[in-house]
Amino acid sequence: MRWSRFFLYTLKETPKDAVTPSHIYLVRGGYIKQVAAGIYDFTPIGKMVLDNIRAIIKEEMDKAGAQEVMLSFITPYELWEETGRAKKYGDELLRIEDRKGQKFVLSPTNEESVVDLVRNYVKSYKQLPVNLYQINLKFRDEARPRFGLLRGREFIMKDAYSFHATRDDLDREFNLMQETYEKIFSKMGLDFRVVEADSGAIGGTGSREFMVLANTGEDDIVVCSECNYAANIEVAKRNHIKKENPVKTQEIEEIYTPDIKTIDEVSKFTETPKDFIVKAVVKKAVFDNGEEEIVVFFLRGNDELEETKAKNAVGAIDLVDASEEEIEKAGLIPGYIGPFGLPSNIKYIIDDDLRMAEELVCGANKKDYHIKGAGLLDANLLGNLTIYRDIAKVKEGDLCPKCGAPLKITKGIEVGHIFKLGTAYSEPMNATFLDENGKAKPFIMGCYGIGVSRLIAAAIEQNHDDRGIIWPKEIAPFVVDIIVGDVKKTDQVEFAEKLYEDLVNAGVKTILDDRTERFGPKIADFELVGFPVGVIVGKKLKNGKVEVRDRKTGEKFEVDKDVVFEKVMELINKD
């Protein structure tokens, strides 16, 4: 491709609403143009990156035995009613009506559609397993679309769905998809981690995320400093060890603590370390049937509540802060809530790290009083309905649940997610097959997603500098940019043309910058747009020299013009 004929226009100014490097450089580099909030057009060069990513995904999915389909972007609303997700999905589900009043949704995901497809054709266990995938447009009506392609409303996704007769076969496919995803992201030249994750609105169990490591990532990832343990902080676990309070109490006593409510105040007043003070977090749990209930979560004073864990512990779809008025109406005393002597109607959850803990300070459920020296050894003191769950957020320095080494927290961008759905969709949609005994059974399903357009942004977040993008060569729109220093010089143009033809004939994606622009802007565009290799054909050509630049390392070196082709090929193939 010749730059003078290519529909590619770069910008000098940073867009006002762009804060992440990927958003800034994708707009400035001419890859995308905003149409509306969270909706973007892809220019030819942006489409080239999309196609490169799509080709890698398709190659590996096909190798794994999955079959490509294309499901309708517009889905009948009645299918979403069958699974109950029409209400559960909330305002992010964009609903529309046609001229006849029939209701549809713009698909954010396609579990219902693919189940409807398969249940019409697959009738016997002999037709299983089957894995169907598509690379297609999706729409999720984000309340606050931001960060360009990282959190848009319209996006391109690879979603796959597998159907099985047995859970053992689902496990096999799930593991195969993990291996396939690892090959895909490795081929793209990305530094990523596979982490344990929460299933979220998709449902099911056995959830794993694929995170591209980047400082600008929205997700916190917990990783072990020694072994391969990794998990999204929403589900991360830690090793529980018995802790000894250095402050000993002869007997359990009720102490007067006037106007002392916060963890810091209680710790200072009682001279007790914060991790031996019981923190009470009161939330209002919202359930999918619309009901609400006050729930108290108890954890150590130096821990924080992890809300996804807490929601799962009580089966809620959301947790919201309870007002002081709502807390008091429930019979609780703000600032003095403890696990002993709670009103019988209050549901409460105790963090696993407090199980069997001793020498604790906690609220006495009595204004201006705390209990000192309390222990959770005797479940009878708490009542028969005491529930322990892992509800605390893992901290840097907590111990790995696998090997006991310290845990670290890093940032990541979710680019893939795989789930074991089981029968979460096939049962409500009455999608069944006949097993070897002729008995009707619901399909056992798996679900496997990759954010294709999001991968473009994630790759840039991981690969950029203060001048622009540094594309991994596997997904770069062009691998080599040949820059003609002065297009009025016949010798420069002719040499550049010959090198261009040689590289194209060798299968190298190459762009020839033959614009009448000055040399400085051409170099700036090379760095901004992010081509891996630059070849500068300039004044030194008359001395038999050409400059080659490695965008990733910043290395510049002169080579003899007679060996520049070999040097470029060596640079491309060195990794």
Protein backbone atom coordinates (compact mmCIF):
# COMPACT_ATOMS: atom_id res chain seq x y z
CA MET A 1 0.00 0.00 0.00
CA ARG A 2 1.21 3.51 -0.83
CA TRP A 3 0.53 6.06 1.88
CA SER A 4 -0.32 8.74 -0.70
CA ARG A 5 -3.33 6.65 -1.78
CA PHE A 6 -4.27 5.22 1.61
CA PHE A 7 -7.26 6.49 3.58
CA LEU A 8 -5.17 7.27 6.68
CA TYR A 9 -5.16 10.65 8.39
CA THR A 10 -3.38 11.26 11.69
CA LEU A 11 -4.12 14.00 14.23
CA LYS A 12 -1.74 16.13 16.29
CA GLU A 13 -4.21 17.02 19.03
CA THR A 14 -5.43 14.67 21.75
CA PRO A 15 -9.23 14.20 21.89
CA LYS A 16 -10.75 15.99 24.88
CA ASP A 17 -12.50 12.89 26.28
CA ALA A 18 -9.55 10.51 25.78
CA VAL A 19 -7.54 9.63 28.89
CA THR A 20 -6.14 6.15 28.21
CA PRO A 21 -3.21 5.64 25.80
CA SER A 22 -5.22 3.30 23.58
CA HIS A 23 -8.08 5.78 23.18
CA ILE A 24 -5.67 8.65 22.50
CA TYR A 25 -3.51 6.81 19.97
CA LEU A 26 -6.34 5.00 18.18
CA VAL A 27 -8.01 8.35 17.45
CA ARG A 28 -4.82 10.29 16.76
CA GLY A 29 -3.43 7.43 14.67
CA GLY A 30 -6.49 7.40 12.45
CA TYR A 31 -7.70 3.92 13.43
CA ILE A 32 -11.17 4.88 14.71
CA LYS A 33 -13.60 7.77 14.66
CA GLN A 34 -16.29 8.31 17.28
CA VAL A 35 -19.88 8.25 16.00
CA ALA A 36 -21.63 8.56 19.36
CA ALA A 37 -20.82 7.79 23.00
CA GLY A 38 -19.26 4.32 23.04
CA ILE A 39 -19.76 3.78 19.28
CA TYR A 40 -16.92 3.99 16.73
CA ASP A 41 -16.24 3.69 13.01
CA PHE A 42 -13.16 1.70 12.01
CA THR A 43 -11.07 3.18 9.22
CA PRO A 44 -9.22 0.89 6.74
CA ILE A 45 -6.16 0.64 8.98
CA GLY A 46 -8.33 -0.10 12.03
CA LYS A 47 -10.16 -2.79 10.06
CA MET A 48 -6.80 -4.34 9.12
CA VAL A 49 -5.90 -4.82 12.80
CA LEU A 50 -9.36 -6.29 13.44
CA ASP A 51 -8.89 -8.70 10.53
CA ASN A 52 -5.46 -9.78 11.79
CA ILE A 53 -6.89 -10.56 15.22
CA ARG A 54 -9.89 -12.31 13.70
CA ALA A 55 -7.63 -14.48 11.50
CA ILE A 56 -5.61 -15.69 14.49
CA ILE A 57 -8.77 -16.47 16.47
CA LYS A 58 -10.43 -18.26 13.55
CA GLU A 59 -7.35 -20.37 12.80
CA GLU A 60 -7.05 -21.66 16.36
CA MET A 61 -10.80 -22.15 16.91
CA ASP A 62 -11.05 -24.14 13.68
CA LYS A 63 -8.04 -26.25 14.72
CA ALA A 64 -9.83 -27.02 18.00
CA GLY A 65 -12.83 -28.39 16.10
CA ALA A 66 -15.22 -25.49 16.62
CA GLN A 67 -17.47 -24.49 13.73
CA GLU A 68 -18.15 -20.91 12.71
CA VAL A 69 -21.70 -19.59 12.43
CA MET A 70 -23.23 -16.12 12.25
CA LEU A 71 -26.20 -15.53 14.49
CA SER A 72 -28.60 -12.66 14.04
CA PHE A 73 -27.53 -9.45 15.79
CA ILE A 74 -31.22 -8.77 16.53
CA THR A 75 -32.75 -11.41 18.82
CA PRO A 76 -36.45 -12.00 19.59
CA TYR A 77 -37.22 -10.73 23.09
CA GLU A 78 -39.22 -13.86 23.82
CA LEU A 79 -36.03 -15.96 23.85
CA TRP A 80 -34.66 -13.77 26.65
CA GLU A 81 -37.96 -14.16 28.50
CA GLU A 82 -37.54 -17.96 28.38
CA THR A 83 -34.34 -17.77 30.45
CA GLY A 84 -35.48 -14.89 32.67
CA ARG A 85 -32.60 -12.71 31.56
CA ALA A 86 -34.91 -10.12 29.97
CA LYS A 87 -35.39 -8.59 33.44
CA LYS A 88 -32.17 -9.74 35.06
CA TYR A 89 -29.91 -8.07 32.48
CA GLY A 90 -31.32 -4.64 33.34
CA ASP A 91 -30.91 -1.40 31.42
CA GLU A 92 -27.83 -2.59 29.53
CA LEU A 93 -30.15 -4.68 27.33
CA LEU A 94 -31.37 -2.44 24.50
CA ARG A 95 -34.94 -3.33 23.60
CA ILE A 96 -36.60 -2.36 20.30
CA GLU A 97 -39.92 -2.98 18.50
CA ASP A 98 -40.60 -3.40 14.79
CA ARG A 99 -43.53 -1.84 12.94
CA LYS A 100 -45.76 -4.74 13.97
CA GLY A 101 -45.00 -4.29 17.64
CA GLN A 102 -42.85 -7.42 17.93
CA LYS A 103 -40.13 -7.01 20.58
CA PHE A 104 -36.44 -7.60 19.95
CA VAL A 105 -33.12 -6.94 21.66
CA LEU A 106 -29.73 -5.94 20.29
CA SER A 107 -27.64 -8.91 21.38
CA PRO A 108 -25.00 -8.31 24.06
CA THR A 109 -24.40 -12.09 24.04
CA ASN A 110 -26.07 -15.04 22.31
CA GLU A 111 -26.71 -17.93 24.70
CA GLU A 112 -30.46 -17.87 24.03
CA SER A 113 -30.02 -17.68 20.25
CA VAL A 114 -27.58 -20.57 20.00
CA VAL A 115 -29.69 -22.78 22.30
CA ASP A 116 -32.69 -22.08 20.07
CA LEU A 117 -30.61 -23.04 17.03
CA VAL A 118 -29.27 -26.29 18.49
CA ARG A 119 -32.53 -27.49 20.07
CA ASN A 120 -34.14 -27.46 16.64
CA TYR A 121 -31.56 -29.79 15.07
CA VAL A 122 -29.71 -31.84 17.68
CA LYS A 123 -31.93 -34.62 19.05
CA SER A 124 -29.54 -37.42 20.07
CA TYR A 125 -26.41 -37.89 22.14
CA LYS A 126 -24.86 -39.32 18.95
CA GLN A 127 -24.80 -35.77 17.52
CA LEU A 128 -22.78 -34.44 20.45
CA PRO A 129 -20.50 -32.75 21.26
CA VAL A 130 -20.74 -29.63 19.13
CA ASN A 131 -19.01 -26.26 19.53
CA LEU A 132 -20.37 -23.32 17.53
CA TYR A 133 -18.68 -19.91 17.43
CA GLN A 134 -19.07 -16.56 15.73
CA ILE A 135 -17.13 -13.32 15.43
CA ASN A 136 -19.90 -10.78 15.37
CA LEU A 137 -21.21 -7.40 16.47
CA LYS A 138 -22.63 -6.96 19.98
CA PHE A 139 -24.34 -4.11 21.82
CA ARG A 140 -24.47 -3.37 25.53
CA ASP A 141 -26.05 -0.09 26.59
CA GLU A 142 -23.31 0.95 29.03
CA ALA A 143 -24.39 3.71 31.40
CA ARG A 144 -20.94 5.32 31.23
CA PRO A 145 -19.06 4.27 28.09
CA ARG A 146 -15.43 5.33 28.40
CA PHE A 147 -11.83 4.56 27.51
CA GLY A 148 -12.54 4.16 23.80
CA LEU A 149 -12.70 0.52 22.72
CA LEU A 150 -12.12 -0.74 26.27
CA ARG A 151 -15.65 0.05 27.40
CA GLY A 152 -17.84 0.82 24.43
CA ARG A 153 -21.50 0.18 23.81
CA GLU A 154 -21.03 -1.42 20.40
CA PHE A 155 -18.23 -3.98 20.17
CA ILE A 156 -17.03 -7.02 18.25
CA MET A 157 -16.83 -10.30 20.11
CA LYS A 158 -15.91 -13.90 19.46
CA ASP A 159 -18.47 -15.98 21.34
CA ALA A 160 -18.54 -19.77 21.29
CA TYR A 161 -21.00 -22.23 22.82
CA SER A 162 -20.47 -25.94 23.30
CA PHE A 163 -23.10 -28.64 23.88
CA HIS A 164 -22.39 -31.95 25.63
CA ALA A 165 -24.06 -35.10 26.85
CA THR A 166 -21.92 -35.38 30.00
CA ARG A 167 -20.12 -33.09 32.41
CA ASP A 168 -16.89 -35.01 31.82
CA ASP A 169 -17.09 -34.06 28.16
CA LEU A 170 -17.76 -30.42 29.12
CA ASP A 171 -14.63 -30.49 31.29
CA ARG A 172 -12.63 -31.80 28.33
CA GLU A 173 -13.87 -29.02 26.04
CA PHE A 174 -13.39 -26.37 28.73
CA ASN A 175 -9.74 -27.39 29.09
CA LEU A 176 -9.33 -27.48 25.31
CA MET A 177 -10.72 -23.95 25.04
CA GLN A 178 -8.31 -22.74 27.72
CA GLU A 179 -5.41 -24.22 25.74
CA THR A 180 -6.79 -22.68 22.55
CA TYR A 181 -7.10 -19.24 24.13
CA GLU A 182 -3.56 -19.45 25.45
CA LYS A 183 -2.35 -20.16 21.90
CA ILE A 184 -4.41 -17.26 20.52
CA PHE A 185 -3.10 -14.64 22.93
CA SER A 186 0.47 -15.97 22.69
CA LYS A 187 0.30 -15.70 18.89
CA MET A 188 -0.75 -12.07 19.27
CA GLY A 189 2.43 -11.35 21.22
CA LEU A 190 0.58 -10.40 24.42
CA ASP A 191 1.67 -10.80 28.04
CA PHE A 192 -1.37 -12.30 29.76
CA ARG A 193 -2.48 -14.42 32.71
CA VAL A 194 -5.25 -16.99 33.12
CA VAL A 195 -7.12 -16.23 36.34
CA GLU A 196 -9.97 -17.69 38.35
CA ALA A 197 -13.04 -15.49 37.99
CA ASP A 198 -16.68 -14.85 38.86
CA SER A 199 -19.31 -15.89 36.32
CA GLY A 200 -21.33 -12.67 36.67
CA ALA A 201 -24.51 -12.20 34.64
CA ILE A 202 -23.68 -15.12 32.32
CA GLY A 203 -24.16 -17.63 35.14
CA GLY A 204 -22.76 -21.12 35.51
CA THR A 205 -19.58 -22.25 37.25
CA GLY A 206 -15.95 -22.99 36.47
CA SER A 207 -15.15 -19.48 35.28
CA ARG A 208 -11.71 -18.33 34.09
CA GLU A 209 -10.63 -14.98 32.68
CA PHE A 210 -7.74 -14.12 30.40
CA MET A 211 -6.12 -10.87 31.47
CA VAL A 212 -3.68 -8.76 29.47
CA LEU A 213 -1.35 -7.20 32.02
CA ALA A 214 -1.36 -3.39 31.82
CA ASN A 215 -1.02 -0.58 34.35
CA THR A 216 -4.19 1.03 33.00
CA GLY A 217 -6.30 -2.11 33.46
CA GLU A 218 -9.62 -1.79 35.29
CA ASP A 219 -9.37 -5.20 36.97
CA ASP A 220 -7.24 -6.05 39.99
CA ILE A 221 -5.51 -9.41 39.61
CA VAL A 222 -4.06 -11.33 42.52
CA VAL A 223 -0.94 -13.32 41.58
CA CYS A 224 1.40 -15.44 43.67
CA SER A 225 5.02 -14.33 43.96
CA GLU A 226 6.18 -17.96 43.73
CA CYS A 227 3.67 -20.32 42.08
CA ASN A 228 1.20 -20.01 39.17
CA TYR A 229 -1.83 -19.06 41.29
CA ALA A 230 -3.75 -16.14 39.76
CA ALA A 231 -7.32 -14.89 40.30
CA ASN A 232 -9.47 -11.87 39.75
CA ILE A 233 -9.70 -10.04 43.07
CA GLU A 234 -13.48 -10.69 42.99
CA VAL A 235 -12.84 -14.38 43.70
CA ALA A 236 -9.24 -14.46 44.95
CA LYS A 237 -8.59 -16.59 48.02
CA ARG A 238 -5.89 -16.50 50.67
CA ASN A 239 -4.36 -18.94 53.10
CA HIS A 240 -6.04 -18.72 56.52
CA ILE A 241 -3.64 -19.04 59.44
CA LYS A 242 -4.48 -18.84 63.12
CA LYS A 243 -3.58 -15.44 64.52
CA GLU A 244 -2.67 -14.68 68.11
CA ASN A 245 -3.71 -11.35 69.59
CA PRO A 246 -0.78 -9.90 71.55
CA VAL A 247 -3.34 -8.21 73.84
CA LYS A 248 -4.76 -10.88 76.16
CA THR A 249 -8.03 -10.59 78.09
CA GLN A 250 -8.74 -12.63 81.21
CA GLU A 251 -12.43 -12.91 80.49
CA ILE A 252 -15.06 -11.66 78.07
CA GLU A 253 -16.22 -8.27 79.24
CA GLU A 254 -18.52 -5.52 78.10
CA ILE A 255 -16.73 -2.17 78.00
CA TYR A 256 -18.06 1.36 77.88
CA THR A 257 -17.03 3.09 74.63
CA PRO A 258 -18.88 6.41 74.46
CA ASP A 259 -19.15 7.81 70.90
CA ILE A 260 -16.42 5.43 69.73
CA LYS A 261 -17.59 3.83 66.51
CA THR A 262 -14.87 3.58 63.84
CA ILE A 263 -12.25 0.84 63.64
CA ASP A 264 -9.47 3.39 64.22
CA GLU A 265 -11.21 4.79 67.30
CA VAL A 266 -11.95 1.35 68.76
CA SER A 267 -8.39 0.16 68.11
CA LYS A 268 -6.88 3.18 69.84
CA PHE A 269 -9.30 3.10 72.79
CA THR A 270 -8.93 -0.63 73.49
CA GLU A 271 -5.24 -0.83 72.46
CA THR A 272 -6.18 -3.71 70.18
CA PRO A 273 -4.67 -4.39 66.73
CA LYS A 274 -7.16 -3.73 63.92
CA ASP A 275 -7.14 -7.33 62.71
CA PHE A 276 -8.59 -8.36 66.09
CA ILE A 277 -11.49 -5.95 65.86
CA VAL A 278 -14.64 -7.23 64.17
CA LYS A 279 -15.85 -4.86 61.49
CA ALA A 280 -19.58 -4.83 60.69
CA VAL A 281 -20.55 -3.82 57.14
CA VAL A 282 -24.29 -3.35 56.68
CA LYS A 283 -25.72 -3.66 53.17
CA LYS A 284 -29.13 -3.84 51.61
CA ALA A 285 -29.26 -6.96 49.43
CA VAL A 286 -31.38 -6.73 46.28
CA PHE A 287 -32.68 -10.02 44.85
CA ASP A 288 -33.82 -10.86 41.31
CA ASN A 289 -37.47 -11.07 42.44
CA GLY A 290 -37.27 -7.42 43.51
CA GLU A 291 -37.18 -8.10 47.25
CA GLU A 292 -34.68 -6.34 49.53
CA GLU A 293 -33.17 -7.39 52.86
CA ILE A 294 -30.72 -5.94 55.37
CA VAL A 295 -27.60 -8.13 55.72
CA VAL A 296 -24.64 -7.67 58.07
CA PHE A 297 -21.18 -8.85 56.97
CA PHE A 298 -18.56 -9.36 59.67
CA LEU A 299 -14.83 -9.36 58.93
CA ARG A 300 -11.54 -8.33 60.48
CA GLY A 301 -11.01 -4.61 61.03
CA ASN A 302 -8.08 -4.39 58.60
CA ASP A 303 -9.99 -6.18 55.81
CA GLU A 304 -12.38 -4.78 53.22
CA LEU A 305 -15.59 -6.37 52.00
CA GLU A 306 -15.36 -7.81 48.48
CA GLU A 307 -18.83 -7.08 47.12
CA THR A 308 -18.92 -9.76 44.41
CA LYS A 309 -18.09 -12.41 47.03
CA ALA A 310 -20.68 -10.88 49.36
CA LYS A 311 -23.39 -10.87 46.68
CA ASN A 312 -22.71 -14.52 45.89
CA ALA A 313 -22.77 -15.39 49.60
CA VAL A 314 -26.36 -14.20 49.96
CA GLY A 315 -27.57 -14.89 46.39
CA ALA A 316 -28.23 -11.22 45.65
CA ILE A 317 -28.01 -9.48 42.28
CA ASP A 318 -26.83 -6.26 43.93
CA LEU A 319 -25.70 -4.79 47.23
CA VAL A 320 -26.36 -1.16 48.08
CA ASP A 321 -25.40 0.89 51.11
CA ALA A 322 -28.04 0.90 53.82
CA SER A 323 -28.93 4.30 55.26
CA GLU A 324 -28.63 4.94 59.00
CA GLU A 325 -32.40 5.15 59.16
CA GLU A 326 -32.78 1.72 57.49
CA ILE A 327 -30.17 0.24 59.83
CA GLU A 328 -31.96 1.53 62.91
CA LYS A 329 -35.35 0.40 61.58
CA ALA A 330 -33.93 -3.14 61.32
CA GLY A 331 -33.16 -3.03 65.06
CA LEU A 332 -29.42 -2.39 64.71
CA ILE A 333 -27.31 0.29 66.39
CA PRO A 334 -24.87 1.93 63.94
CA GLY A 335 -21.29 1.85 65.20
CA TYR A 336 -21.98 -0.85 67.80
CA ILE A 337 -23.03 -3.86 65.71
CA GLY A 338 -21.46 -7.21 66.63
CA PRO A 339 -22.09 -10.91 65.98
CA PHE A 340 -23.31 -11.60 69.54
CA GLY A 341 -26.92 -10.83 70.46
CA LEU A 342 -28.07 -9.67 67.04
CA PRO A 343 -31.84 -9.37 66.48
CA SER A 344 -33.13 -12.78 65.40
CA ASN A 345 -34.51 -11.45 62.13
CA ILE A 346 -31.13 -10.19 60.87
CA LYS A 347 -29.26 -12.23 58.30
CA TYR A 348 -25.49 -12.10 58.78
CA ILE A 349 -22.38 -13.62 57.21
CA ILE A 350 -18.99 -14.01 58.96
CA ASP A 351 -15.77 -14.04 56.97
CA ASP A 352 -13.89 -17.34 56.93
CA ASP A 353 -10.80 -15.70 58.40
CA LEU A 354 -12.74 -15.15 61.66
CA ARG A 355 -13.69 -18.79 61.99
CA MET A 356 -12.48 -19.99 65.42
CA ALA A 357 -10.84 -16.59 66.10
CA GLU A 358 -10.23 -15.49 69.71
CA GLU A 359 -9.49 -12.34 71.73
CA LEU A 360 -11.67 -10.14 69.54
CA VAL A 361 -13.26 -6.75 70.12
CA CYS A 362 -16.70 -6.29 68.60
CA GLY A 363 -19.84 -4.23 68.94
CA ALA A 364 -22.16 -5.21 71.80
CA ASN A 365 -25.37 -4.34 69.91
CA LYS A 366 -25.86 -1.78 72.64
CA LYS A 367 -25.26 1.95 72.31
CA ASP A 368 -21.84 3.07 73.57
CA TYR A 369 -20.68 -0.47 74.36
CA HIS A 370 -18.29 -3.01 72.84
CA ILE A 371 -17.36 -6.54 73.89
CA LYS A 372 -13.71 -7.30 74.59
CA GLY A 373 -12.08 -10.75 74.65
CA ALA A 374 -14.79 -12.33 72.51
CA GLY A 375 -14.19 -15.48 70.50
CA LEU A 376 -16.01 -17.30 67.74
CA LEU A 377 -15.10 -20.72 69.07
CA ASP A 378 -18.56 -21.44 70.38
CA ALA A 379 -21.10 -21.39 67.56
CA ASN A 380 -23.92 -21.51 70.12
CA LEU A 381 -23.13 -17.95 71.13
CA LEU A 382 -23.85 -16.89 67.57
CA GLY A 383 -26.90 -19.00 66.92
CA ASN A 384 -27.62 -22.04 64.78
CA LEU A 385 -27.85 -20.08 61.52
CA THR A 386 -24.29 -18.81 61.56
CA ILE A 387 -22.81 -18.83 58.05
CA TYR A 388 -19.12 -18.50 57.29
CA ARG A 389 -18.08 -17.45 53.78
CA ASP A 390 -15.03 -16.00 52.08
CA ILE A 391 -16.16 -12.36 51.79
CA ALA A 392 -12.96 -10.34 52.36
CA LYS A 393 -10.93 -8.67 49.62
CA VAL A 394 -7.43 -10.15 49.33
CA LYS A 395 -4.65 -7.69 50.18
CA GLU A 396 -1.07 -7.37 48.98
CA GLY A 397 1.05 -9.57 51.25
CA ASP A 398 -1.71 -12.07 52.11
CA LEU A 399 -0.57 -15.66 51.68
CA CYS A 400 -1.18 -17.80 48.60
CA PRO A 401 -3.83 -20.52 49.10
CA LYS A 402 -1.74 -22.95 47.03
CA CYS A 403 1.84 -22.53 48.24
CA GLY A 404 1.71 -20.03 51.12
CA ALA A 405 3.98 -17.44 49.47
CA PRO A 406 3.06 -13.72 49.58
CA LEU A 407 0.45 -12.54 47.09
CA LYS A 408 0.85 -9.50 44.83
CA ILE A 409 -1.80 -7.36 43.16
CA THR A 410 -1.41 -6.15 39.59
CA LYS A 411 -3.68 -4.60 36.98
CA GLY A 412 -5.19 -6.37 34.00
CA ILE A 413 -7.61 -5.95 31.11
CA GLU A 414 -10.07 -8.78 30.57
CA VAL A 415 -9.90 -9.95 26.95
CA GLY A 416 -11.34 -13.46 27.28
CA HIS A 417 -13.65 -15.40 29.57
CA ILE A 418 -14.68 -19.07 29.58
CA PHE A 419 -17.54 -20.60 31.58
CA LYS A 420 -19.03 -23.95 32.43
CA LEU A 421 -22.70 -23.12 32.00
CA GLY A 422 -24.05 -26.57 32.77
CA THR A 423 -27.83 -26.57 32.22
CA ALA A 424 -28.41 -22.92 33.20
CA TYR A 425 -29.83 -22.14 29.74
CA SER A 426 -30.91 -25.49 28.35
CA GLU A 427 -33.27 -26.30 31.23
CA PRO A 428 -35.37 -23.10 31.18
CA MET A 429 -35.48 -23.25 27.36
CA ASN A 430 -36.46 -26.94 27.40
CA ALA A 431 -33.54 -27.82 25.11
CA THR A 432 -33.07 -31.57 25.41
CA PHE A 433 -31.54 -34.56 23.64
CA LEU A 434 -32.12 -38.30 24.00
CA ASP A 435 -29.35 -40.12 25.86
CA GLU A 436 -28.21 -43.71 25.20
CA ASN A 437 -31.22 -44.99 27.19
CA GLY A 438 -33.70 -42.92 25.19
CA LYS A 439 -34.29 -40.52 28.07
CA ALA A 440 -34.63 -36.77 27.46
CA LYS A 441 -31.91 -34.73 29.16
CA PRO A 442 -30.97 -31.03 28.99
CA PHE A 443 -27.82 -30.14 27.10
CA ILE A 444 -24.76 -29.49 29.26
CA MET A 445 -23.16 -26.31 27.97
CA GLY A 446 -19.99 -24.27 27.96
CA CYS A 447 -19.49 -20.66 26.86
CA TYR A 448 -16.28 -19.06 25.61
CA GLY A 449 -15.83 -15.35 24.77
CA ILE A 450 -13.08 -13.09 23.42
CA GLY A 451 -13.37 -9.31 23.13
CA VAL A 452 -12.04 -8.82 19.60
CA SER A 453 -12.29 -5.03 19.35
CA ARG A 454 -11.22 -4.71 23.00
CA LEU A 455 -8.06 -6.66 22.16
CA ILE A 456 -6.96 -3.79 19.92
CA ALA A 457 -7.07 -1.39 22.87
CA ALA A 458 -5.57 -3.91 25.31
CA ALA A 459 -2.62 -4.54 22.99
CA ILE A 460 -1.91 -0.80 22.88
CA GLU A 461 -2.25 -0.37 26.65
CA GLN A 462 0.49 -2.97 26.97
CA ASN A 463 2.57 -1.76 24.02
CA HIS A 464 3.09 1.99 23.72
CA ASP A 465 5.38 4.84 24.67
CA ASP A 466 5.02 8.63 24.82
CA ARG A 467 5.24 8.86 21.02
CA GLY A 468 2.59 6.35 20.07
CA ILE A 469 1.71 2.69 19.51
CA ILE A 470 4.21 -0.17 19.39
CA TRP A 471 2.31 -2.96 17.66
CA PRO A 472 3.27 -6.59 18.16
CA LYS A 473 4.15 -7.59 14.59
CA GLU A 474 1.59 -10.41 14.63
CA ILE A 475 -1.35 -7.98 14.64
CA ALA A 476 0.23 -4.84 13.15
CA PRO A 477 -1.61 -3.43 10.11
CA PHE A 478 1.74 -3.11 8.32
CA VAL A 479 4.99 -4.58 9.62
CA VAL A 480 7.34 -2.36 7.62
CA ASP A 481 7.07 1.35 6.82
CA ILE A 482 9.42 2.48 4.03
CA ILE A 483 9.89 6.23 4.36
CA VAL A 484 11.14 8.17 1.33
CA GLY A 485 13.04 11.16 2.66
CA ASP A 486 12.55 13.30 -0.46
CA VAL A 487 10.12 12.11 -3.13
CA LYS A 488 11.70 14.57 -5.58
CA LYS A 489 14.90 12.50 -5.56
CA THR A 490 14.61 9.85 -8.25
CA ASP A 491 17.24 7.56 -6.72
CA GLN A 492 15.42 7.49 -3.36
CA VAL A 493 12.05 6.77 -4.97
CA GLU A 494 13.40 4.02 -7.23
CA PHE A 495 15.26 2.26 -4.40
CA ALA A 496 12.24 2.48 -2.10
CA GLU A 497 9.96 1.11 -4.84
CA LYS A 498 12.28 -1.88 -5.42
CA LEU A 499 12.55 -2.65 -1.70
CA TYR A 500 8.78 -2.32 -1.38
CA GLU A 501 8.20 -4.86 -4.18
CA ASP A 502 10.73 -7.30 -2.70
CA LEU A 503 9.12 -7.18 0.74
CA VAL A 504 5.57 -7.51 -0.61
CA ASN A 505 6.63 -10.48 -2.77
CA ALA A 506 8.15 -12.04 0.36
CA GLY A 507 4.76 -11.81 2.08
CA VAL A 508 5.65 -8.89 4.35
CA LYS A 509 2.88 -6.36 5.00
CA THR A 510 4.51 -3.16 3.88
CA ILE A 511 3.46 0.47 3.41
CA LEU A 512 5.45 2.91 1.28
CA ASP A 513 5.37 6.46 2.62
CA ASP A 514 5.64 8.31 -0.68
CA ARG A 515 3.87 11.47 0.51
CA THR A 516 5.23 14.90 -0.31
CA GLU A 517 5.31 15.60 3.43
CA ARG A 518 8.45 16.77 5.23
CA PHE A 519 10.68 14.12 6.78
CA GLY A 520 9.84 15.08 10.40
CA PRO A 521 6.07 14.49 10.15
CA LYS A 522 6.69 11.18 8.37
CA ILE A 523 8.84 9.94 11.26
CA ALA A 524 6.27 11.21 13.76
CA ASP A 525 3.52 9.28 11.93
CA PHE A 526 5.68 6.13 11.83
CA GLU A 527 6.02 6.30 15.61
CA LEU A 528 2.40 7.30 16.28
CA VAL A 529 0.77 4.68 14.05
CA GLY A 530 3.10 2.05 15.47
CA PHE A 531 4.61 0.03 12.62
CA PRO A 532 7.22 -2.41 14.02
CA VAL A 533 9.99 -1.62 11.51
CA GLY A 534 10.88 1.60 9.71
CA VAL A 535 13.24 1.88 6.74
CA ILE A 536 14.41 5.41 5.96
CA VAL A 537 15.60 5.95 2.42
CA GLY A 538 17.18 9.41 2.58
CA LYS A 539 20.28 11.49 1.86
CA LYS A 540 22.72 8.73 2.86
CA LEU A 541 21.53 6.55 -0.02
CA LYS A 542 24.10 8.28 -2.28
CA ASN A 543 26.75 6.80 0.04
CA GLY A 544 25.14 3.36 -0.20
CA LYS A 545 23.50 3.52 3.26
CA VAL A 546 19.91 3.10 4.47
CA GLU A 547 18.66 3.55 8.05
CA VAL A 548 16.58 0.85 9.75
CA ARG A 549 14.61 1.50 12.97
CA ASP A 550 13.17 -1.00 15.44
CA ARG A 551 10.05 0.65 16.90
CA LYS A 552 9.97 -1.59 19.98
CA THR A 553 13.57 -1.14 21.13
CA GLY A 554 14.13 2.30 19.60
CA GLU A 555 17.34 0.99 18.03
CA LYS A 556 18.57 2.76 14.89
CA PHE A 557 21.29 1.42 12.62
CA GLU A 558 22.68 2.03 9.18
CA VAL A 559 23.07 -0.85 6.73
CA ASP A 560 24.42 -1.17 3.22
CA LYS A 561 21.68 -0.72 0.69
CA ASP A 562 22.56 -4.05 -0.91
CA VAL A 563 21.70 -6.00 2.26
CA VAL A 564 18.82 -3.93 3.62
CA PHE A 565 16.24 -6.52 2.52
CA GLU A 566 18.06 -9.27 4.40
CA LYS A 567 18.47 -7.05 7.47
CA VAL A 568 14.76 -6.19 7.55
CA MET A 569 13.78 -9.85 7.20
CA GLU A 570 16.20 -10.74 10.00
CA LEU A 571 14.66 -8.06 12.23
CA ILE A 572 11.12 -9.25 11.49
CA ASN A 573 11.93 -12.89 12.23
CA LYS A 574 14.24 -12.41 15.22
CA ASP A 575 11.63 -13.22 17.91
